PDB file of N, CA and C in Angstrom:
ATOM      1  N   MET A   1     -21.975 -62.714 -38.759  1.00  0.00           N
ATOM      2  CA  MET A   1     -22.363 -61.545 -38.726  1.00  0.00           C
ATOM      3  C   MET A   1     -22.512 -60.482 -37.637  1.00  0.00           C
ATOM      4  N   ILE A   2     -23.125 -61.059 -37.033  1.00  0.00           N
ATOM      5  CA  ILE A   2     -23.021 -60.403 -35.780  1.00  0.00           C
ATOM      6  C   ILE A   2     -22.161 -59.915 -34.952  1.00  0.00           C
ATOM      7  N   ARG A   3     -21.093 -61.384 -35.163  1.00  0.00           N
ATOM      8  CA  ARG A   3     -19.527 -60.705 -34.814  1.00  0.00           C
ATOM      9  C   ARG A   3     -18.929 -59.618 -35.400  1.00  0.00           C
ATOM     10  N   ILE A   4     -19.205 -59.493 -36.632  1.00  0.00           N
ATOM     11  CA  ILE A   4     -18.476 -58.106 -37.350  1.00  0.00           C
ATOM     12  C   ILE A   4     -19.229 -57.126 -36.776  1.00  0.00           C
ATOM     13  N   LEU A   5     -20.352 -57.192 -36.999  1.00  0.00           N
ATOM     14  CA  LEU A   5     -21.199 -55.780 -36.164  1.00  0.00           C
ATOM     15  C   LEU A   5     -20.764 -55.539 -34.821  1.00  0.00           C
ATOM     16  N   SER A   6     -20.467 -56.278 -34.006  1.00  0.00           N
ATOM     17  CA  SER A   6     -19.894 -56.265 -32.660  1.00  0.00           C
ATOM     18  C   SER A   6     -18.952 -55.543 -32.360  1.00  0.00           C
ATOM     19  N   ILE A   7     -17.833 -56.106 -33.505  1.00  0.00           N
ATOM     20  CA  ILE A   7     -16.050 -55.597 -33.488  1.00  0.00           C
ATOM     21  C   ILE A   7     -16.557 -53.826 -34.014  1.00  0.00           C
ATOM     22  N   GLU A   8     -17.286 -53.414 -34.819  1.00  0.00           N
ATOM     23  CA  GLU A   8     -17.445 -52.400 -35.322  1.00  0.00           C
ATOM     24  C   GLU A   8     -17.857 -51.624 -34.012  1.00  0.00           C
ATOM     25  N   PHE A   9     -18.889 -52.064 -33.624  1.00  0.00           N
ATOM     26  CA  PHE A   9     -19.480 -51.341 -32.595  1.00  0.00           C
ATOM     27  C   PHE A   9     -18.385 -51.053 -31.319  1.00  0.00           C
ATOM     28  N   LEU A  10     -17.993 -52.221 -30.877  1.00  0.00           N
ATOM     29  CA  LEU A  10     -16.824 -51.852 -29.866  1.00  0.00           C
ATOM     30  C   LEU A  10     -15.638 -51.006 -30.466  1.00  0.00           C
ATOM     31  N   LEU A  11     -15.204 -50.942 -31.722  1.00  0.00           N
ATOM     32  CA  LEU A  11     -14.300 -50.259 -32.134  1.00  0.00           C
ATOM     33  C   LEU A  11     -14.154 -48.978 -32.133  1.00  0.00           C
ATOM     34  N   MET A  12     -15.561 -48.406 -32.246  1.00  0.00           N
ATOM     35  CA  MET A  12     -16.156 -47.253 -32.504  1.00  0.00           C
ATOM     36  C   MET A  12     -16.333 -46.627 -31.016  1.00  0.00           C
ATOM     37  N   PHE A  13     -16.721 -47.791 -29.807  1.00  0.00           N
ATOM     38  CA  PHE A  13     -16.700 -47.377 -28.520  1.00  0.00           C
ATOM     39  C   PHE A  13     -15.599 -46.976 -27.996  1.00  0.00           C
ATOM     40  N   VAL A  14     -14.541 -47.644 -28.345  1.00  0.00           N
ATOM     41  CA  VAL A  14     -13.231 -47.228 -27.840  1.00  0.00           C
ATOM     42  C   VAL A  14     -12.579 -45.756 -28.339  1.00  0.00           C
ATOM     43  N   VAL A  15     -12.880 -45.687 -29.581  1.00  0.00           N
ATOM     44  CA  VAL A  15     -12.486 -44.605 -30.373  1.00  0.00           C
ATOM     45  C   VAL A  15     -13.085 -43.252 -29.652  1.00  0.00           C
ATOM     46  N   GLY A  16     -14.583 -43.390 -29.051  1.00  0.00           N
ATOM     47  CA  GLY A  16     -15.230 -42.247 -28.614  1.00  0.00           C
ATOM     48  C   GLY A  16     -14.578 -42.129 -27.347  1.00  0.00           C
ATOM     49  N   ALA A  17     -14.516 -43.264 -26.410  1.00  0.00           N
ATOM     50  CA  ALA A  17     -13.576 -42.717 -25.088  1.00  0.00           C
ATOM     51  C   ALA A  17     -12.435 -42.346 -25.502  1.00  0.00           C
ATOM     52  N   ILE A  18     -11.583 -42.787 -26.056  1.00  0.00           N
ATOM     53  CA  ILE A  18     -10.181 -42.225 -25.947  1.00  0.00           C
ATOM     54  C   ILE A  18     -10.285 -40.718 -26.606  1.00  0.00           C
ATOM     55  N   SER A  19     -11.237 -40.474 -27.608  1.00  0.00           N
ATOM     56  CA  SER A  19     -11.332 -39.183 -28.230  1.00  0.00           C
ATOM     57  C   SER A  19     -11.841 -38.250 -27.253  1.00  0.00           C
ATOM     58  N   PHE A  20     -12.610 -38.773 -26.557  1.00  0.00           N
ATOM     59  CA  PHE A  20     -13.286 -37.669 -25.288  1.00  0.00           C
ATOM     60  C   PHE A  20     -12.552 -37.586 -24.353  1.00  0.00           C
ATOM     61  N   ARG A  21     -11.425 -38.493 -23.954  1.00  0.00           N
ATOM     62  CA  ARG A  21     -10.574 -38.225 -23.002  1.00  0.00           C
ATOM     63  C   ARG A  21      -9.408 -37.335 -23.319  1.00  0.00           C
ATOM     64  N   LEU A  22      -8.835 -37.881 -24.773  1.00  0.00           N
ATOM     65  CA  LEU A  22      -7.863 -36.905 -25.183  1.00  0.00           C
ATOM     66  C   LEU A  22      -8.218 -35.226 -25.256  1.00  0.00           C
ATOM     67  N   VAL A  23      -9.492 -34.961 -25.727  1.00  0.00           N
ATOM     68  CA  VAL A  23      -9.766 -33.709 -25.660  1.00  0.00           C
ATOM     69  C   VAL A  23     -10.187 -32.954 -24.425  1.00  0.00           C
ATOM     70  N   TRP A  24     -10.202 -33.756 -23.445  1.00  0.00           N
ATOM     71  CA  TRP A  24     -10.214 -33.432 -22.130  1.00  0.00           C
ATOM     72  C   TRP A  24      -8.977 -33.016 -21.778  1.00  0.00           C
ATOM     73  N   ALA A  25      -7.967 -33.678 -22.165  1.00  0.00           N
ATOM     74  CA  ALA A  25      -6.552 -33.604 -21.564  1.00  0.00           C
ATOM     75  C   ALA A  25      -6.057 -32.314 -22.262  1.00  0.00           C
ATOM     76  N   PHE A  26      -6.565 -32.057 -23.406  1.00  0.00           N
ATOM     77  CA  PHE A  26      -6.185 -30.551 -23.953  1.00  0.00           C
ATOM     78  C   PHE A  26      -6.781 -29.425 -23.400  1.00  0.00           C
ATOM     79  N   THR A  27      -8.036 -29.562 -23.087  1.00  0.00           N
ATOM     80  CA  THR A  27      -8.745 -28.403 -23.035  1.00  0.00           C
ATOM     81  C   THR A  27      -9.357 -28.261 -21.395  1.00  0.00           C
ATOM     82  N   GLY A  28      -9.710 -29.653 -20.532  1.00  0.00           N
ATOM     83  CA  GLY A  28     -10.198 -29.370 -19.382  1.00  0.00           C
ATOM     84  C   GLY A  28     -11.676 -28.956 -18.931  1.00  0.00           C
ATOM     85  N   LYS A  29     -12.339 -28.940 -20.522  1.00  0.00           N
ATOM     86  CA  LYS A  29     -13.563 -28.508 -20.466  1.00  0.00           C
ATOM     87  C   LYS A  29     -14.461 -29.687 -21.073  1.00  0.00           C
ATOM     88  N   MET A  30     -15.753 -29.905 -20.670  1.00  0.00           N
ATOM     89  CA  MET A  30     -16.952 -30.782 -21.209  1.00  0.00           C
ATOM     90  C   MET A  30     -17.247 -30.508 -22.591  1.00  0.00           C
ATOM     91  N   LEU A  31     -17.675 -29.280 -22.671  1.00  0.00           N
ATOM     92  CA  LEU A  31     -17.946 -28.527 -24.083  1.00  0.00           C
ATOM     93  C   LEU A  31     -17.101 -28.764 -25.294  1.00  0.00           C
ATOM     94  N   PRO A  32     -16.074 -28.619 -25.316  1.00  0.00           N
ATOM     95  CA  PRO A  32     -15.339 -29.124 -26.353  1.00  0.00           C
ATOM     96  C   PRO A  32     -15.215 -30.761 -26.649  1.00  0.00           C
ATOM     97  N   CYS A  33     -15.099 -31.319 -25.453  1.00  0.00           N
ATOM     98  CA  CYS A  33     -15.131 -32.547 -25.742  1.00  0.00           C
ATOM     99  C   CYS A  33     -16.587 -33.221 -26.537  1.00  0.00           C
ATOM    100  N   TRP A  34     -17.536 -32.583 -26.161  1.00  0.00           N
ATOM    101  CA  TRP A  34     -18.588 -33.148 -26.882  1.00  0.00           C
ATOM    102  C   TRP A  34     -19.081 -32.575 -27.966  1.00  0.00           C
ATOM    103  N   ILE A  35     -18.668 -31.543 -28.259  1.00  0.00           N
ATOM    104  CA  ILE A  35     -18.617 -30.824 -29.772  1.00  0.00           C
ATOM    105  C   ILE A  35     -17.695 -31.668 -30.714  1.00  0.00           C
ATOM    106  N   THR A  36     -16.361 -32.280 -30.298  1.00  0.00           N
ATOM    107  CA  THR A  36     -15.663 -32.913 -30.936  1.00  0.00           C
ATOM    108  C   THR A  36     -16.230 -34.405 -31.211  1.00  0.00           C
ATOM    109  N   ILE A  37     -16.987 -35.038 -30.027  1.00  0.00           N
ATOM    110  CA  ILE A  37     -17.580 -36.434 -30.387  1.00  0.00           C
ATOM    111  C   ILE A  37     -18.893 -36.174 -31.158  1.00  0.00           C
ATOM    112  N   ILE A  38     -19.645 -35.263 -31.250  1.00  0.00           N
ATOM    113  CA  ILE A  38     -20.702 -34.894 -32.472  1.00  0.00           C
ATOM    114  C   ILE A  38     -20.370 -34.570 -33.639  1.00  0.00           C
ATOM    115  N   LEU A  39     -18.869 -33.994 -33.549  1.00  0.00           N
ATOM    116  CA  LEU A  39     -18.516 -33.397 -35.073  1.00  0.00           C
ATOM    117  C   LEU A  39     -17.922 -35.016 -35.841  1.00  0.00           C
ATOM    118  N   LEU A  40     -17.316 -35.917 -35.080  1.00  0.00           N
ATOM    119  CA  LEU A  40     -16.801 -36.998 -35.237  1.00  0.00           C
ATOM    120  C   LEU A  40     -18.056 -37.814 -35.858  1.00  0.00           C
ATOM    121  N   ALA A  41     -19.018 -37.959 -34.945  1.00  0.00           N
ATOM    122  CA  ALA A  41     -20.357 -38.739 -35.702  1.00  0.00           C
ATOM    123  C   ALA A  41     -20.877 -38.386 -36.502  1.00  0.00           C
ATOM    124  N   VAL A  42     -20.895 -36.891 -36.969  1.00  0.00           N
ATOM    125  CA  VAL A  42     -21.629 -36.506 -38.159  1.00  0.00           C
ATOM    126  C   VAL A  42     -20.329 -36.997 -39.319  1.00  0.00           C
ATOM    127  N   LEU A  43     -19.247 -36.628 -39.300  1.00  0.00           N
ATOM    128  CA  LEU A  43     -18.302 -37.154 -40.302  1.00  0.00           C
ATOM    129  C   LEU A  43     -18.535 -38.754 -40.751  1.00  0.00           C
ATOM    130  N   ILE A  44     -18.527 -39.529 -39.489  1.00  0.00           N
ATOM    131  CA  ILE A  44     -19.001 -40.846 -39.663  1.00  0.00           C
ATOM    132  C   ILE A  44     -20.208 -41.090 -40.803  1.00  0.00           C
ATOM    133  N   LEU A  45     -21.113 -40.262 -40.354  1.00  0.00           N
ATOM    134  CA  LEU A  45     -22.406 -40.359 -40.890  1.00  0.00           C
ATOM    135  C   LEU A  45     -22.100 -40.144 -42.502  1.00  0.00           C
ATOM    136  N   LEU A  46     -21.695 -39.106 -42.712  1.00  0.00           N
ATOM    137  CA  LEU A  46     -21.493 -38.092 -43.784  1.00  0.00           C
ATOM    138  C   LEU A  46     -20.524 -39.146 -44.963  1.00  0.00           C
ATOM    139  N   PHE A  47     -19.408 -39.409 -44.427  1.00  0.00           N
ATOM    140  CA  PHE A  47     -18.253 -39.642 -45.498  1.00  0.00           C
ATOM    141  C   PHE A  47     -17.811 -40.931 -45.117  1.00  0.00           C
ATOM    142  N   VAL A  48     -17.867 -42.200 -44.140  1.00  0.00           N
ATOM    143  CA  VAL A  48     -17.615 -43.096 -44.202  1.00  0.00           C
ATOM    144  C   VAL A  48     -18.278 -43.786 -45.011  1.00  0.00           C
ATOM    145  N   PRO A  49     -17.765 -44.821 -45.876  1.00  0.00           N
ATOM    146  CA  PRO A  49     -18.416 -45.734 -46.644  1.00  0.00           C
ATOM    147  C   PRO A  49     -19.344 -46.768 -45.811  1.00  0.00           C
ATOM    148  N   GLY A  50     -20.606 -47.085 -45.996  1.00  0.00           N
ATOM    149  CA  GLY A  50     -21.550 -47.923 -45.060  1.00  0.00           C
ATOM    150  C   GLY A  50     -21.354 -49.236 -45.480  1.00  0.00           C
ATOM    151  N   HIS A  51     -19.999 -49.937 -45.765  1.00  0.00           N
ATOM    152  CA  HIS A  51     -19.730 -51.288 -45.808  1.00  0.00           C
ATOM    153  C   HIS A  51     -18.577 -51.656 -45.243  1.00  0.00           C
ATOM    154  N   ILE A  52     -18.355 -53.197 -45.287  1.00  0.00           N
ATOM    155  CA  ILE A  52     -17.313 -53.796 -44.242  1.00  0.00           C
ATOM    156  C   ILE A  52     -16.838 -54.187 -45.643  1.00  0.00           C
ATOM    157  N   ASP A  53     -15.267 -53.953 -45.737  1.00  0.00           N
ATOM    158  CA  ASP A  53     -14.507 -54.334 -46.757  1.00  0.00           C
ATOM    159  C   ASP A  53     -14.341 -55.775 -46.546  1.00  0.00           C
ATOM    160  N   GLU A  54     -14.791 -56.669 -47.288  1.00  0.00           N
ATOM    161  CA  GLU A  54     -14.649 -58.317 -47.064  1.00  0.00           C
ATOM    162  C   GLU A  54     -13.114 -58.737 -47.427  1.00  0.00           C
ATOM    163  N   SER A  55     -12.263 -57.982 -48.181  1.00  0.00           N
ATOM    164  CA  SER A  55     -10.861 -58.612 -48.638  1.00  0.00           C
ATOM    165  C   SER A  55      -9.894 -58.488 -47.445  1.00  0.00           C
ATOM    166  N   LEU A  56     -10.416 -57.580 -46.649  1.00  0.00           N
ATOM    167  CA  LEU A  56      -9.742 -57.399 -45.657  1.00  0.00           C
ATOM    168  C   LEU A  56      -9.637 -58.182 -44.469  1.00  0.00           C
ATOM    169  N   ILE A  57     -10.980 -58.874 -44.568  1.00  0.00           N
ATOM    170  CA  ILE A  57     -11.368 -59.862 -43.562  1.00  0.00           C
ATOM    171  C   ILE A  57     -10.516 -61.225 -44.270  1.00  0.00           C
ATOM    172  N   VAL A  58     -10.658 -61.579 -45.394  1.00  0.00           N
ATOM    173  CA  VAL A  58      -9.956 -62.667 -46.098  1.00  0.00           C
ATOM    174  C   VAL A  58      -8.248 -62.647 -45.805  1.00  0.00           C
ATOM    175  N   GLU A  59      -7.920 -61.661 -46.329  1.00  0.00           N
ATOM    176  CA  GLU A  59      -6.506 -61.291 -45.994  1.00  0.00           C
ATOM    177  C   GLU A  59      -5.712 -61.486 -44.704  1.00  0.00           C
ATOM    178  N   PHE A  60      -6.627 -61.032 -43.860  1.00  0.00           N
ATOM    179  CA  PHE A  60      -6.226 -61.351 -42.433  1.00  0.00           C
ATOM    180  C   PHE A  60      -6.515 -62.727 -41.652  1.00  0.00           C
ATOM    181  N   GLY A  61      -7.365 -63.612 -42.742  1.00  0.00           N
ATOM    182  CA  GLY A  61      -7.353 -64.952 -41.920  1.00  0.00           C
ATOM    183  C   GLY A  61      -8.732 -65.379 -41.788  1.00  0.00           C
ATOM    184  N   GLY A  62      -9.535 -64.542 -42.237  1.00  0.00           N
ATOM    185  CA  GLY A  62     -10.999 -64.662 -41.744  1.00  0.00           C
ATOM    186  C   GLY A  62     -11.763 -65.703 -42.954  1.00  0.00           C
ATOM    187  N   LYS A  63     -13.039 -65.629 -42.538  1.00  0.00           N
ATOM    188  CA  LYS A  63     -13.711 -66.320 -43.820  1.00  0.00           C
ATOM    189  C   LYS A  63     -14.428 -65.309 -44.258  1.00  0.00           C
ATOM    190  N   LEU A  64     -14.799 -65.283 -45.293  1.00  0.00           N
ATOM    191  CA  LEU A  64     -16.142 -64.711 -45.798  1.00  0.00           C
ATOM    192  C   LEU A  64     -17.222 -64.677 -45.083  1.00  0.00           C
ATOM    193  N   PRO A  65     -17.614 -63.210 -44.702  1.00  0.00           N
ATOM    194  CA  PRO A  65     -19.105 -63.458 -43.495  1.00  0.00           C
ATOM    195  C   PRO A  65     -20.281 -63.432 -44.667  1.00  0.00           C
ATOM    196  N   GLU A  66     -21.517 -63.973 -44.284  1.00  0.00           N
ATOM    197  CA  GLU A  66     -22.445 -63.890 -44.916  1.00  0.00           C
ATOM    198  C   GLU A  66     -22.849 -62.593 -44.942  1.00  0.00           C
ATOM    199  N   LYS A  67     -23.843 -62.019 -45.794  1.00  0.00           N
ATOM    200  CA  LYS A  67     -24.181 -60.681 -46.449  1.00  0.00           C
ATOM    201  C   LYS A  67     -24.814 -60.420 -45.145  1.00  0.00           C
ATOM    202  N   TYR A  68     -24.740 -59.152 -44.804  1.00  0.00           N
ATOM    203  CA  TYR A  68     -25.302 -58.226 -43.318  1.00  0.00           C
ATOM    204  C   TYR A  68     -26.933 -57.747 -43.997  1.00  0.00           C
ATOM    205  N   PRO A  69     -27.878 -57.747 -43.249  1.00  0.00           N
ATOM    206  CA  PRO A  69     -28.918 -57.281 -43.507  1.00  0.00           C
ATOM    207  C   PRO A  69     -29.347 -55.531 -43.058  1.00  0.00           C
ATOM    208  N   LEU A  70     -28.107 -55.113 -42.604  1.00  0.00           N
ATOM    209  CA  LEU A  70     -27.865 -53.683 -42.478  1.00  0.00           C
ATOM    210  C   LEU A  70     -27.632 -52.893 -43.961  1.00  0.00           C
ATOM    211  N   SER A  71     -28.584 -51.690 -43.875  1.00  0.00           N
ATOM    212  CA  SER A  71     -28.271 -50.693 -44.882  1.00  0.00           C
ATOM    213  C   SER A  71     -27.100 -49.997 -44.661  1.00  0.00           C
ATOM    214  N   PRO A  72     -26.239 -49.423 -45.389  1.00  0.00           N
ATOM    215  CA  PRO A  72     -24.974 -48.473 -45.461  1.00  0.00           C
ATOM    216  C   PRO A  72     -25.215 -47.246 -44.287  1.00  0.00           C
ATOM    217  N   PHE A  73     -26.303 -46.973 -44.274  1.00  0.00           N
ATOM    218  CA  PHE A  73     -27.025 -45.868 -43.254  1.00  0.00           C
ATOM    219  C   PHE A  73     -27.051 -46.359 -41.800  1.00  0.00           C
ATOM    220  N   ALA A  74     -27.654 -47.669 -41.773  1.00  0.00           N
ATOM    221  CA  ALA A  74     -27.609 -48.217 -40.479  1.00  0.00           C
ATOM    222  C   ALA A  74     -26.486 -48.615 -39.873  1.00  0.00           C
ATOM    223  N   LEU A  75     -25.566 -49.056 -40.784  1.00  0.00           N
ATOM    224  CA  LEU A  75     -24.145 -49.447 -40.273  1.00  0.00           C
ATOM    225  C   LEU A  75     -23.309 -48.131 -39.723  1.00  0.00           C
ATOM    226  N   ASN A  76     -23.289 -47.249 -40.480  1.00  0.00           N
ATOM    227  CA  ASN A  76     -22.998 -45.977 -39.967  1.00  0.00           C
ATOM    228  C   ASN A  76     -23.794 -45.253 -38.749  1.00  0.00           C
ATOM    229  N   LEU A  77     -24.949 -45.617 -38.520  1.00  0.00           N
ATOM    230  CA  LEU A  77     -25.783 -45.247 -37.421  1.00  0.00           C
ATOM    231  C   LEU A  77     -24.932 -46.018 -36.150  1.00  0.00           C
ATOM    232  N   LEU A  78     -24.828 -47.521 -36.550  1.00  0.00           N
ATOM    233  CA  LEU A  78     -24.523 -48.295 -35.642  1.00  0.00           C
ATOM    234  C   LEU A  78     -22.791 -47.635 -35.019  1.00  0.00           C
ATOM    235  N   ARG A  79     -22.149 -47.507 -36.099  1.00  0.00           N
ATOM    236  CA  ARG A  79     -20.756 -46.645 -35.560  1.00  0.00           C
ATOM    237  C   ARG A  79     -20.866 -45.456 -34.804  1.00  0.00           C
ATOM    238  N   SER A  80     -22.043 -44.619 -35.090  1.00  0.00           N
ATOM    239  CA  SER A  80     -21.925 -43.377 -34.472  1.00  0.00           C
ATOM    240  C   SER A  80     -22.379 -43.722 -33.240  1.00  0.00           C
ATOM    241  N   ALA A  81     -23.499 -44.600 -32.952  1.00  0.00           N
ATOM    242  CA  ALA A  81     -23.927 -44.823 -31.560  1.00  0.00           C
ATOM    243  C   ALA A  81     -22.592 -45.323 -30.502  1.00  0.00           C
ATOM    244  N   GLY A  82     -21.628 -46.146 -31.125  1.00  0.00           N
ATOM    245  CA  GLY A  82     -20.986 -46.547 -30.324  1.00  0.00           C
ATOM    246  C   GLY A  82     -19.940 -45.435 -30.001  1.00  0.00           C
ATOM    247  N   LEU A  83     -19.818 -44.647 -30.964  1.00  0.00           N
ATOM    248  CA  LEU A  83     -19.126 -43.402 -30.570  1.00  0.00           C
ATOM    249  C   LEU A  83     -19.509 -42.554 -29.389  1.00  0.00           C
ATOM    250  N   LEU A  84     -20.676 -42.530 -29.723  1.00  0.00           N
ATOM    251  CA  LEU A  84     -21.620 -41.530 -28.556  1.00  0.00           C
ATOM    252  C   LEU A  84     -21.517 -42.262 -27.158  1.00  0.00           C
ATOM    253  N   LEU A  85     -21.888 -43.471 -27.199  1.00  0.00           N
ATOM    254  CA  LEU A  85     -21.883 -44.296 -25.941  1.00  0.00           C
ATOM    255  C   LEU A  85     -20.373 -44.527 -25.491  1.00  0.00           C
ATOM    256  N   GLY A  86     -19.439 -44.404 -26.151  1.00  0.00           N
ATOM    257  CA  GLY A  86     -18.225 -44.585 -25.503  1.00  0.00           C
ATOM    258  C   GLY A  86     -17.674 -43.093 -24.969  1.00  0.00           C
ATOM    259  N   ALA A  87     -18.064 -42.118 -25.590  1.00  0.00           N
ATOM    260  CA  ALA A  87     -17.891 -40.926 -24.827  1.00  0.00           C
ATOM    261  C   ALA A  87     -18.824 -40.704 -23.667  1.00  0.00           C
ATOM    262  N   GLY A  88     -19.824 -41.338 -23.610  1.00  0.00           N
ATOM    263  CA  GLY A  88     -20.739 -41.227 -22.744  1.00  0.00           C
ATOM    264  C   GLY A  88     -20.203 -41.709 -21.163  1.00  0.00           C
ATOM    265  N   LEU A  89     -19.818 -43.251 -21.685  1.00  0.00           N
ATOM    266  CA  LEU A  89     -19.043 -43.845 -20.256  1.00  0.00           C
ATOM    267  C   LEU A  89     -17.800 -42.724 -19.808  1.00  0.00           C
ATOM    268  N   ALA A  90     -17.082 -42.252 -20.960  1.00  0.00           N
ATOM    269  CA  ALA A  90     -15.741 -41.463 -20.459  1.00  0.00           C
ATOM    270  C   ALA A  90     -16.350 -40.435 -19.573  1.00  0.00           C
ATOM    271  N   ALA A  91     -17.354 -39.764 -20.014  1.00  0.00           N
ATOM    272  CA  ALA A  91     -17.850 -38.511 -19.287  1.00  0.00           C
ATOM    273  C   ALA A  91     -18.365 -39.203 -17.839  1.00  0.00           C
ATOM    274  N   ILE A  92     -18.965 -40.002 -17.756  1.00  0.00           N
ATOM    275  CA  ILE A  92     -19.457 -40.691 -16.414  1.00  0.00           C
ATOM    276  C   ILE A  92     -18.121 -41.039 -15.594  1.00  0.00           C
ATOM    277  N   VAL A  93     -16.932 -41.466 -16.155  1.00  0.00           N
ATOM    278  CA  VAL A  93     -15.978 -41.793 -15.252  1.00  0.00           C
ATOM    279  C   VAL A  93     -15.034 -40.501 -15.184  1.00  0.00           C
ATOM    280  N   LEU A  94     -15.311 -39.700 -15.982  1.00  0.00           N
ATOM    281  CA  LEU A  94     -14.318 -38.167 -15.429  1.00  0.00           C
ATOM    282  C   LEU A  94     -15.320 -37.314 -14.524  1.00  0.00           C
ATOM    283  N   GLY A  95     -16.574 -37.671 -14.613  1.00  0.00           N
ATOM    284  CA  GLY A  95     -17.623 -36.950 -13.702  1.00  0.00           C
ATOM    285  C   GLY A  95     -17.363 -37.539 -11.999  1.00  0.00           C
ATOM    286  N   LYS A  96     -17.117 -38.900 -12.258  1.00  0.00           N
ATOM    287  CA  LYS A  96     -16.666 -39.280 -10.779  1.00  0.00           C
ATOM    288  C   LYS A  96     -15.532 -39.284 -10.249  1.00  0.00           C
ATOM    289  N   ARG A  97     -14.481 -39.130 -11.287  1.00  0.00           N
ATOM    290  CA  ARG A  97     -13.084 -38.926 -10.801  1.00  0.00           C
ATOM    291  C   ARG A  97     -12.887 -37.581 -10.184  1.00  0.00           C
ATOM    292  N   LYS A  98     -13.726 -36.553 -10.859  1.00  0.00           N
ATOM    293  CA  LYS A  98     -14.169 -35.070 -10.382  1.00  0.00           C
ATOM    294  C   LYS A  98     -14.310 -35.033  -9.084  1.00  0.00           C
ATOM    295  N   ALA A  99     -15.503 -35.949  -9.005  1.00  0.00           N
ATOM    296  CA  ALA A  99     -16.065 -35.697  -7.453  1.00  0.00           C
ATOM    297  C   ALA A  99     -15.094 -36.416  -6.696  1.00  0.00           C
ATOM    298  N   ILE A 100     -14.431 -37.109  -6.730  1.00  0.00           N
ATOM    299  CA  ILE A 100     -13.359 -37.727  -5.886  1.00  0.00           C
ATOM    300  C   ILE A 100     -12.264 -36.728  -5.732  1.00  0.00           C
ATOM    301  N   GLY A 101     -11.810 -36.023  -7.028  1.00  0.00           N
ATOM    302  CA  GLY A 101     -11.062 -34.827  -6.855  1.00  0.00           C
ATOM    303  C   GLY A 101      -9.727 -35.327  -7.408  1.00  0.00           C
ATOM    304  N   LEU A 102      -9.890 -36.193  -8.334  1.00  0.00           N
ATOM    305  CA  LEU A 102      -8.601 -36.890  -9.057  1.00  0.00           C
ATOM    306  C   LEU A 102      -8.111 -36.013 -10.367  1.00  0.00           C
ATOM    307  N   GLU A 103      -9.295 -35.370 -10.248  1.00  0.00           N
ATOM    308  CA  GLU A 103      -9.265 -34.287 -11.846  1.00  0.00           C
ATOM    309  C   GLU A 103      -8.567 -33.195 -11.789  1.00  0.00           C
ATOM    310  N   ASP A 104      -8.455 -32.763 -10.244  1.00  0.00           N
ATOM    311  CA  ASP A 104      -8.272 -31.204  -9.721  1.00  0.00           C
ATOM    312  C   ASP A 104      -6.968 -31.247  -9.569  1.00  0.00           C
ATOM    313  N   THR A 105      -6.096 -32.266  -8.822  1.00  0.00           N
ATOM    314  CA  THR A 105      -4.927 -32.114  -8.582  1.00  0.00           C
ATOM    315  C   THR A 105      -4.079 -32.072  -9.774  1.00  0.00           C
ATOM    316  N   PRO A 106      -2.620 -31.290  -9.812  1.00  0.00           N
ATOM    317  CA  PRO A 106      -2.174 -31.392 -10.800  1.00  0.00           C
ATOM    318  C   PRO A 106      -1.213 -32.490 -10.712  1.00  0.00           C
ATOM    319  N   PRO A 107      -0.752 -33.394 -11.644  1.00  0.00           N
ATOM    320  CA  PRO A 107       0.347 -34.253 -11.421  1.00  0.00           C
ATOM    321  C   PRO A 107       1.326 -34.261 -11.168  1.00  0.00           C
ATOM    322  N   TYR A 108       2.257 -34.829 -10.335  1.00  0.00           N
ATOM    323  CA  TYR A 108       3.665 -34.598 -10.358  1.00  0.00           C
ATOM    324  C   TYR A 108       3.764 -32.934  -9.404  1.00  0.00           C
ATOM    325  N   ASP A 109       2.758 -33.179  -8.424  1.00  0.00           N
ATOM    326  CA  ASP A 109       2.854 -31.841  -7.425  1.00  0.00           C
ATOM    327  C   ASP A 109       4.318 -32.030  -6.413  1.00  0.00           C
ATOM    328  N   ASP A 110       4.623 -33.201  -6.318  1.00  0.00           N
ATOM    329  CA  ASP A 110       5.822 -33.528  -5.398  1.00  0.00           C
ATOM    330  C   ASP A 110       7.405 -33.080  -6.177  1.00  0.00           C
ATOM    331  N   PHE A 111       7.301 -32.763  -7.554  1.00  0.00           N
ATOM    332  CA  PHE A 111       8.306 -32.717  -8.128  1.00  0.00           C
ATOM    333  C   PHE A 111       8.827 -31.172  -8.302  1.00  0.00           C
ATOM    334  N   PRO A 112       9.916 -31.163  -7.881  1.00  0.00           N
ATOM    335  CA  PRO A 112      10.637 -29.338  -7.573  1.00  0.00           C
ATOM    336  C   PRO A 112      10.581 -28.966  -8.515  1.00  0.00           C
TER     337      PRO A 112
END
C-alpha cells in the first residue's frame, strides 16, 4: 500500500516540477508559474476522484493491493502536496540557475 501511495506522490512531484518549468519557459516570470501550480492543486482537490483504480493495476501485471487507510480527500491532499513540493524544488533550482547566470543568457547566442 505504501508503494502505491509513494508512486502517486512521486508522479505528482514530477508533474509539478515539469509544469513549473514549462510555464517558466513560456513566461519567464515566477508569479504565473505559482498561479498555475496552485490552480492545478485546486483542480486535483476538487475534480480528481480520490481512489486508485485497481483494475489498471491488475491489467498491467500487478497484484491487488490491500485497502488503503486514507480517505479520498487525504489521497488528493497527498497528490497536491507532491505537486507543490515538485514545483518548490523547480523554483529552488531555477533560483540557483538565475544566481549563476544560466537563465539570463539566450540560448544559441553564437548562431548567426
